Amino acid sequence: MGPKRIPALGAVYHDWVRQHPDAASAFRETIEEILVDAGVSFDRVAARTKTWRSLKAKAMQRTDTGDFRYPDPWHDIKDIIGIRITTYFSADIPVVLDVLGKQFNVLKSVDKAAETRIAGGFGYGSHHMILQVPEDSDDLAPYRGFTFEVQVRTVLQHAWAEFEHDIRYKGTDEHDPRIDRAFALAAGLIELADQQFDQIARIQGEAPNAGDDVELSAETLPGVLAMLVGNRFPRSRSEYYTWLEEILAVNGITTVRELRDLLDDTDIAAVEAALKYQFVPGQVRIIDDLLLRRYGRRHIERTKDLGKHATQRASRLKNRLAVMVNAGIAEAVD
């Protein structure tokens, strides 16, 4: 782009936004679904489309030599869509990164916290990834080949970063070294707190126990599944066990004994072989697929309107059932 680079960028940007008004929600819902299916524990997924004002300011940045930092801003700037994932535990961050790396093309991955530690200090803790939607993506088909940025950090790291941003960029221009020292101390305490939360999670994971007579509920399911499958499938987010209780109940599975029967090792192996997961499925996802194998279209009809992303659920289940039918492990039961 030459002298008219900003007007040209504006034309491309506004045209893209008009064509993709729901881009942020599409990315958020897809990534949420991926993390839930993989049994990843997380606090929340947030997404935003970069504003024109912010994009224009970034496109105007120059290097120390006076050249534009982004000569072709529409293609060089990678955070038109930005995703932030917050986790409760720092130990969950590499799990999130691994799952995303198997679902998208990783163009860049930077550990900001490690960079800070190498520099010998405390501070901004976050992992940044530049990802690209693969050409065979179904859930993000309109965005195949599109690049976007993901930031992953704990809720404590996020709170620290948001507060620091407000102070540094919205406060006075006058530099006060006492503020630097206070932020560094707070960052060190947050790093220590994250380590303690990881320890609490490890201790808690050793305790659950249950027997065959226990009635299944959102509260008992995590402990029951810990007994039945151990660490074979990662635990899902707490709020999804209410949904799991529903999809089990509408299929007539309400006791530990019935759930044990569903979680047959042979059936699990058949489902894993047919669906060829690119990640280790979470507890909720593997049970959903086992129900789909057993009940076919009846499971789709019974559960298609349940859950946070019900609008896409029926089509996703139909696709998965078709794969199972083609693999010879299920029938499209009416």
Protein backbone atom coordinates (compact mmCIF):
# COMPACT_ATOMS: atom_id res chain seq x y z
CA MET A 1 0.00 0.00 0.00
CA GLY A 2 1.29 3.46 -0.88
CA PRO A 3 0.09 6.91 0.25
CA LYS A 4 -3.50 5.72 0.21
CA ARG A 5 -2.74 2.76 2.47
CA ILE A 6 -5.06 3.88 5.29
CA PRO A 7 -8.13 4.62 3.10
CA ALA A 8 -7.50 1.32 1.27
CA LEU A 9 -7.20 -0.50 4.58
CA GLY A 10 -10.43 1.11 5.78
CA ALA A 11 -12.30 -0.04 2.69
CA VAL A 12 -11.11 -3.63 3.12
CA TYR A 13 -11.78 -3.63 6.87
CA HIS A 14 -15.31 -2.22 6.71
CA ASP A 15 -16.24 -4.53 3.85
CA TRP A 16 -14.98 -7.52 5.83
CA VAL A 17 -16.91 -6.47 8.95
CA ARG A 18 -20.11 -6.07 6.92
CA GLN A 19 -19.67 -9.55 5.51
CA HIS A 20 -18.81 -11.10 8.90
CA PRO A 21 -20.90 -9.27 11.54
CA ASP A 22 -20.86 -12.29 13.87
CA ALA A 23 -17.18 -13.18 13.51
CA ALA A 24 -16.26 -12.68 17.17
CA SER A 25 -19.13 -14.82 18.47
CA ALA A 26 -18.40 -17.54 15.88
CA PHE A 27 -14.77 -17.79 17.01
CA ARG A 28 -15.71 -17.66 20.69
CA GLU A 29 -18.35 -20.39 20.42
CA THR A 30 -16.12 -22.65 18.33
CA ILE A 31 -13.16 -22.37 20.69
CA GLU A 32 -15.40 -22.86 23.73
CA GLU A 33 -16.79 -26.01 22.12
CA ILE A 34 -13.28 -27.30 21.32
CA LEU A 35 -12.11 -26.78 24.91
CA VAL A 36 -15.23 -28.35 26.39
CA ASP A 37 -14.99 -31.36 24.08
CA ALA A 38 -11.36 -31.82 25.10
CA GLY A 39 -12.26 -31.64 28.79
CA VAL A 40 -10.15 -28.57 29.40
CA SER A 41 -10.87 -26.62 32.56
CA PHE A 42 -11.16 -22.87 31.88
CA ASP A 43 -12.80 -19.78 33.30
CA ARG A 44 -14.06 -18.13 30.13
CA VAL A 45 -13.41 -17.41 26.47
CA ALA A 46 -13.78 -13.80 25.30
CA ALA A 47 -13.56 -12.60 21.71
CA ARG A 48 -13.58 -9.25 19.96
CA THR A 49 -13.25 -7.84 16.47
CA LYS A 50 -10.64 -5.07 16.40
CA THR A 51 -12.19 -1.63 16.07
CA TRP A 52 -11.34 0.55 13.09
CA ARG A 53 -9.78 3.14 15.38
CA SER A 54 -7.49 0.54 16.96
CA LEU A 55 -6.58 -1.02 13.61
CA LYS A 56 -5.77 2.36 12.07
CA ALA A 57 -3.53 3.32 15.00
CA LYS A 58 -1.65 0.03 14.74
CA ALA A 59 -1.26 0.41 10.97
CA MET A 60 0.39 3.81 11.54
CA GLN A 61 3.12 2.43 13.82
CA ARG A 62 6.69 2.84 12.59
CA THR A 63 9.97 1.14 13.40
CA ASP A 64 13.06 2.94 14.73
CA THR A 65 14.20 3.45 11.13
CA GLY A 66 10.99 5.23 10.22
CA ASP A 67 9.51 2.43 8.12
CA PHE A 68 5.96 1.25 8.66
CA ARG A 69 5.94 -1.67 11.06
CA TYR A 70 3.12 -3.26 9.03
CA PRO A 71 3.73 -2.49 5.33
CA ASP A 72 0.63 -4.44 4.30
CA PRO A 73 -1.51 -3.93 7.41
CA TRP A 74 -4.52 -6.07 6.46
CA HIS A 75 -2.29 -9.12 6.07
CA ASP A 76 0.50 -8.17 8.49
CA ILE A 77 -1.69 -7.37 11.50
CA LYS A 78 -2.81 -10.70 12.93
CA ASP A 79 -5.27 -9.69 15.66
CA ILE A 80 -8.27 -8.49 13.65
CA ILE A 81 -9.97 -11.20 15.67
CA GLY A 82 -8.62 -11.46 19.20
CA ILE A 83 -9.41 -14.26 21.65
CA ARG A 84 -8.66 -14.29 25.36
CA ILE A 85 -8.89 -17.53 27.34
CA THR A 86 -8.61 -17.39 31.11
CA THR A 87 -7.94 -20.49 33.19
CA TYR A 88 -8.21 -21.08 36.92
CA PHE A 89 -4.86 -22.84 37.12
CA SER A 90 -1.56 -22.12 35.41
CA ALA A 91 -1.15 -25.89 34.91
CA ASP A 92 -4.11 -25.75 32.50
CA ILE A 93 -2.41 -23.25 30.16
CA PRO A 94 -0.19 -25.80 28.35
CA VAL A 95 -3.23 -28.07 28.00
CA VAL A 96 -5.16 -25.25 26.29
CA LEU A 97 -2.19 -24.54 24.02
CA ASP A 98 -1.88 -28.19 23.06
CA VAL A 99 -5.58 -28.52 22.19
CA LEU A 100 -5.60 -25.33 20.12
CA GLY A 101 -2.40 -26.40 18.38
CA LYS A 102 -4.10 -29.59 17.20
CA GLN A 103 -7.18 -27.77 15.89
CA PHE A 104 -5.54 -24.80 14.17
CA ASN A 105 -2.34 -24.04 12.29
CA VAL A 106 0.15 -22.47 14.71
CA LEU A 107 2.01 -19.59 13.05
CA LYS A 108 3.59 -18.21 16.22
CA SER A 109 3.64 -19.03 19.93
CA VAL A 110 5.22 -16.76 22.54
CA ASP A 111 5.34 -17.26 26.31
CA LYS A 112 5.37 -13.71 27.69
CA ALA A 113 5.73 -14.94 31.27
CA ALA A 114 8.85 -16.93 30.36
CA GLU A 115 10.31 -13.90 28.59
CA THR A 116 9.80 -11.85 31.74
CA ARG A 117 11.40 -14.51 33.95
CA ILE A 118 14.41 -14.76 31.61
CA ALA A 119 14.79 -10.99 31.94
CA GLY A 120 14.99 -11.52 35.71
CA GLY A 121 11.74 -9.97 36.81
CA PHE A 122 8.05 -10.39 37.48
CA GLY A 123 5.33 -8.95 35.32
CA TYR A 124 3.01 -9.63 32.44
CA GLY A 125 2.05 -13.31 32.43
CA SER A 126 0.34 -14.51 29.30
CA HIS A 127 0.89 -16.87 26.39
CA HIS A 128 0.24 -15.45 22.92
CA MET A 129 -0.48 -17.54 19.84
CA ILE A 130 -1.06 -16.57 16.23
CA LEU A 131 -3.32 -19.23 14.74
CA GLN A 132 -4.75 -19.86 11.31
CA VAL A 133 -8.08 -21.52 10.56
CA PRO A 134 -7.29 -24.70 8.56
CA GLU A 135 -8.70 -25.15 5.07
CA ASP A 136 -10.77 -28.17 6.14
CA SER A 137 -12.49 -26.40 9.05
CA ASP A 138 -16.25 -26.99 9.23
CA ASP A 139 -17.18 -24.90 12.26
CA LEU A 140 -15.30 -21.85 10.92
CA ALA A 141 -15.77 -22.56 7.22
CA PRO A 142 -16.31 -18.86 6.27
CA TYR A 143 -12.92 -18.05 7.85
CA ARG A 144 -10.72 -20.76 6.31
CA GLY A 145 -7.18 -19.42 5.99
CA PHE A 146 -7.91 -16.47 8.31
CA THR A 147 -5.36 -15.70 11.04
CA PHE A 148 -6.23 -14.58 14.56
CA GLU A 149 -4.56 -14.03 17.93
CA VAL A 150 -5.17 -15.94 21.16
CA GLN A 151 -4.02 -14.90 24.62
CA VAL A 152 -4.10 -17.51 27.38
CA ARG A 153 -3.57 -16.62 31.02
CA THR A 154 -4.92 -17.35 34.50
CA VAL A 155 -7.66 -15.26 36.07
CA LEU A 156 -5.08 -13.82 38.46
CA GLN A 157 -2.72 -12.91 35.62
CA HIS A 158 -5.64 -11.33 33.79
CA ALA A 159 -6.63 -9.22 36.80
CA TRP A 160 -3.03 -8.03 37.19
CA ALA A 161 -2.72 -7.17 33.48
CA GLU A 162 -6.03 -5.30 33.35
CA PHE A 163 -5.22 -3.25 36.43
CA GLU A 164 -1.72 -2.45 35.20
CA HIS A 165 -3.12 -1.39 31.81
CA ASP A 166 -5.55 1.01 33.49
CA ILE A 167 -2.80 2.53 35.61
CA ARG A 168 -0.08 2.69 32.94
CA TYR A 169 -2.14 3.90 30.00
CA LYS A 170 -5.04 5.75 31.58
CA GLY A 171 -3.29 7.39 34.47
CA THR A 172 -0.81 10.25 34.74
CA ASP A 173 2.16 10.51 32.36
CA GLU A 174 4.45 11.13 35.31
CA HIS A 175 6.61 8.08 36.08
CA ASP A 176 6.69 6.97 39.71
CA PRO A 177 9.20 4.18 40.55
CA ARG A 178 7.09 3.24 43.58
CA ILE A 179 4.38 2.06 41.18
CA ASP A 180 6.89 -0.12 39.31
CA ARG A 181 7.99 -1.70 42.58
CA ALA A 182 4.40 -2.29 43.72
CA PHE A 183 3.46 -3.91 40.41
CA ALA A 184 6.53 -6.15 40.51
CA LEU A 185 5.69 -7.24 44.07
CA ALA A 186 2.06 -7.92 43.13
CA ALA A 187 3.16 -9.96 40.09
CA GLY A 188 5.42 -12.07 42.29
CA LEU A 189 2.58 -12.73 44.73
CA ILE A 190 0.27 -13.67 41.87
CA GLU A 191 2.82 -16.15 40.52
CA LEU A 192 3.05 -17.71 43.98
CA ALA A 193 -0.76 -17.81 44.30
CA ASP A 194 -1.06 -19.56 40.92
CA GLN A 195 1.39 -22.20 42.11
CA GLN A 196 -0.67 -22.77 45.27
CA PHE A 197 -3.90 -23.06 43.26
CA ASP A 198 -2.23 -25.72 41.10
CA GLN A 199 -1.31 -27.59 44.28
CA ILE A 200 -4.91 -27.37 45.57
CA ALA A 201 -6.20 -28.78 42.28
CA ARG A 202 -3.77 -31.73 42.47
CA ILE A 203 -4.81 -32.52 46.06
CA GLN A 204 -8.52 -32.23 45.26
CA GLY A 205 -8.19 -34.59 42.30
CA GLU A 206 -7.07 -37.43 44.59
CA ALA A 207 -10.21 -37.51 46.74
CA PRO A 208 -13.47 -38.32 44.83
CA ASN A 209 -15.19 -41.65 45.50
CA ALA A 210 -18.63 -43.11 44.87
CA GLY A 211 -20.63 -46.38 44.81
CA ASP A 212 -23.12 -47.98 42.44
CA ASP A 213 -26.17 -46.83 44.42
CA VAL A 214 -25.35 -43.13 44.08
CA GLU A 215 -27.98 -41.19 42.12
CA LEU A 216 -26.37 -39.23 39.31
CA SER A 217 -26.47 -35.46 39.56
CA ALA A 218 -24.36 -32.52 38.46
CA GLU A 219 -22.77 -32.57 41.93
CA THR A 220 -21.98 -36.29 42.04
CA LEU A 221 -20.95 -36.82 38.40
CA PRO A 222 -17.35 -35.51 38.70
CA GLY A 223 -16.63 -37.86 41.61
CA VAL A 224 -18.41 -40.80 39.98
CA LEU A 225 -16.48 -40.34 36.75
CA ALA A 226 -13.21 -40.06 38.65
CA MET A 227 -13.99 -43.49 40.07
CA LEU A 228 -15.13 -45.02 36.75
CA VAL A 229 -12.52 -43.64 34.34
CA GLY A 230 -9.83 -42.15 36.58
CA ASN A 231 -7.64 -39.70 34.69
CA ARG A 232 -8.32 -41.33 31.34
CA PHE A 233 -10.52 -38.44 30.23
CA PRO A 234 -9.96 -34.90 31.53
CA ARG A 235 -12.54 -33.38 33.80
CA SER A 236 -14.78 -30.80 32.12
CA ARG A 237 -15.84 -27.40 33.41
CA SER A 238 -18.13 -27.63 36.45
CA GLU A 239 -21.08 -25.93 34.73
CA TYR A 240 -21.20 -28.61 32.01
CA TYR A 241 -22.05 -31.39 34.47
CA THR A 242 -25.56 -29.96 34.78
CA TRP A 243 -25.89 -30.39 31.02
CA LEU A 244 -24.34 -33.87 31.24
CA GLU A 245 -26.90 -34.84 33.87
CA GLU A 246 -29.66 -33.74 31.45
CA ILE A 247 -28.43 -35.63 28.40
CA LEU A 248 -27.95 -38.77 30.48
CA ALA A 249 -31.38 -38.49 32.09
CA VAL A 250 -33.28 -38.00 28.81
CA ASN A 251 -31.65 -41.25 27.64
CA GLY A 252 -32.72 -43.06 30.82
CA ILE A 253 -29.32 -43.15 32.52
CA THR A 254 -29.75 -41.95 36.11
CA THR A 255 -27.63 -44.28 38.27
CA VAL A 256 -23.95 -45.10 38.61
CA ARG A 257 -24.65 -48.68 37.52
CA GLU A 258 -26.21 -47.49 34.24
CA LEU A 259 -23.37 -45.05 33.63
CA ARG A 260 -20.82 -47.81 34.27
CA ASP A 261 -22.54 -49.90 31.60
CA LEU A 262 -22.35 -46.99 29.13
CA LEU A 263 -18.64 -46.54 29.79
CA ASP A 264 -17.74 -49.96 28.41
CA ASP A 265 -14.06 -50.17 27.40
CA THR A 266 -14.87 -51.89 24.11
CA ASP A 267 -17.41 -49.21 23.19
CA ILE A 268 -15.01 -46.45 24.15
CA ALA A 269 -12.26 -47.96 21.99
CA ALA A 270 -14.67 -48.24 19.04
CA VAL A 271 -15.73 -44.60 19.35
CA GLU A 272 -12.13 -43.40 19.66
CA ALA A 273 -11.08 -45.41 16.61
CA ALA A 274 -14.00 -44.13 14.52
CA LEU A 275 -13.83 -40.44 15.43
CA LYS A 276 -10.01 -40.25 15.54
CA TYR A 277 -9.98 -37.43 18.08
CA GLN A 278 -7.22 -34.87 17.60
CA PHE A 279 -7.26 -34.41 21.38
CA VAL A 280 -8.02 -36.50 24.43
CA PRO A 281 -11.80 -36.04 24.75
CA GLY A 282 -13.12 -34.69 28.02
CA GLN A 283 -15.56 -36.59 30.20
CA VAL A 284 -18.59 -34.78 28.80
CA ARG A 285 -17.57 -35.27 25.16
CA ILE A 286 -16.82 -39.00 25.39
CA ILE A 287 -20.15 -39.67 27.14
CA ASP A 288 -22.01 -37.60 24.54
CA ASP A 289 -20.41 -39.70 21.78
CA LEU A 290 -21.14 -42.98 23.57
CA LEU A 291 -24.79 -41.94 23.86
CA LEU A 292 -24.78 -41.04 20.17
CA ARG A 293 -23.37 -44.46 19.27
CA ARG A 294 -25.95 -46.28 21.39
CA TYR A 295 -29.08 -44.27 20.53
CA GLY A 296 -28.26 -42.72 17.14
CA ARG A 297 -30.86 -40.26 15.88
CA ARG A 298 -32.89 -40.65 19.06
CA HIS A 299 -30.02 -39.08 21.00
CA ILE A 300 -29.92 -36.19 18.54
CA GLU A 301 -33.68 -35.57 18.86
CA ARG A 302 -33.62 -35.86 22.64
CA THR A 303 -30.68 -33.48 23.18
CA LYS A 304 -30.53 -31.17 20.15
CA ASP A 305 -32.06 -28.24 22.07
CA LEU A 306 -29.94 -28.65 25.19
CA GLY A 307 -26.76 -26.75 25.97
CA LYS A 308 -25.25 -23.33 25.36
CA HIS A 309 -24.69 -23.80 21.63
CA ALA A 310 -27.88 -25.67 20.74
CA THR A 311 -28.16 -23.99 17.31
CA GLN A 312 -25.14 -25.94 16.06
CA ARG A 313 -25.59 -29.10 18.11
CA ALA A 314 -27.87 -31.09 15.79
CA SER A 315 -25.64 -30.65 12.73
CA ARG A 316 -22.51 -31.57 14.68
CA LEU A 317 -24.11 -34.70 16.08
CA LYS A 318 -25.34 -35.73 12.63
CA ASN A 319 -21.82 -35.38 11.24
CA ARG A 320 -20.36 -37.46 14.07
CA LEU A 321 -23.06 -40.11 13.70
CA ALA A 322 -22.37 -40.36 9.96
CA VAL A 323 -18.70 -41.05 10.73
CA MET A 324 -19.68 -43.79 13.19
CA VAL A 325 -22.11 -45.34 10.70
CA ASN A 326 -19.46 -45.33 7.98
CA ALA A 327 -17.03 -46.98 10.42
CA GLY A 328 -19.60 -49.69 11.08
CA ILE A 329 -19.86 -49.08 14.82
CA ALA A 330 -23.31 -47.46 14.90
CA GLU A 331 -26.65 -47.43 13.15
CA ALA A 332 -28.74 -44.36 12.39
CA VAL A 333 -31.34 -45.58 14.88
CA ASP A 334 -34.71 -43.86 14.41
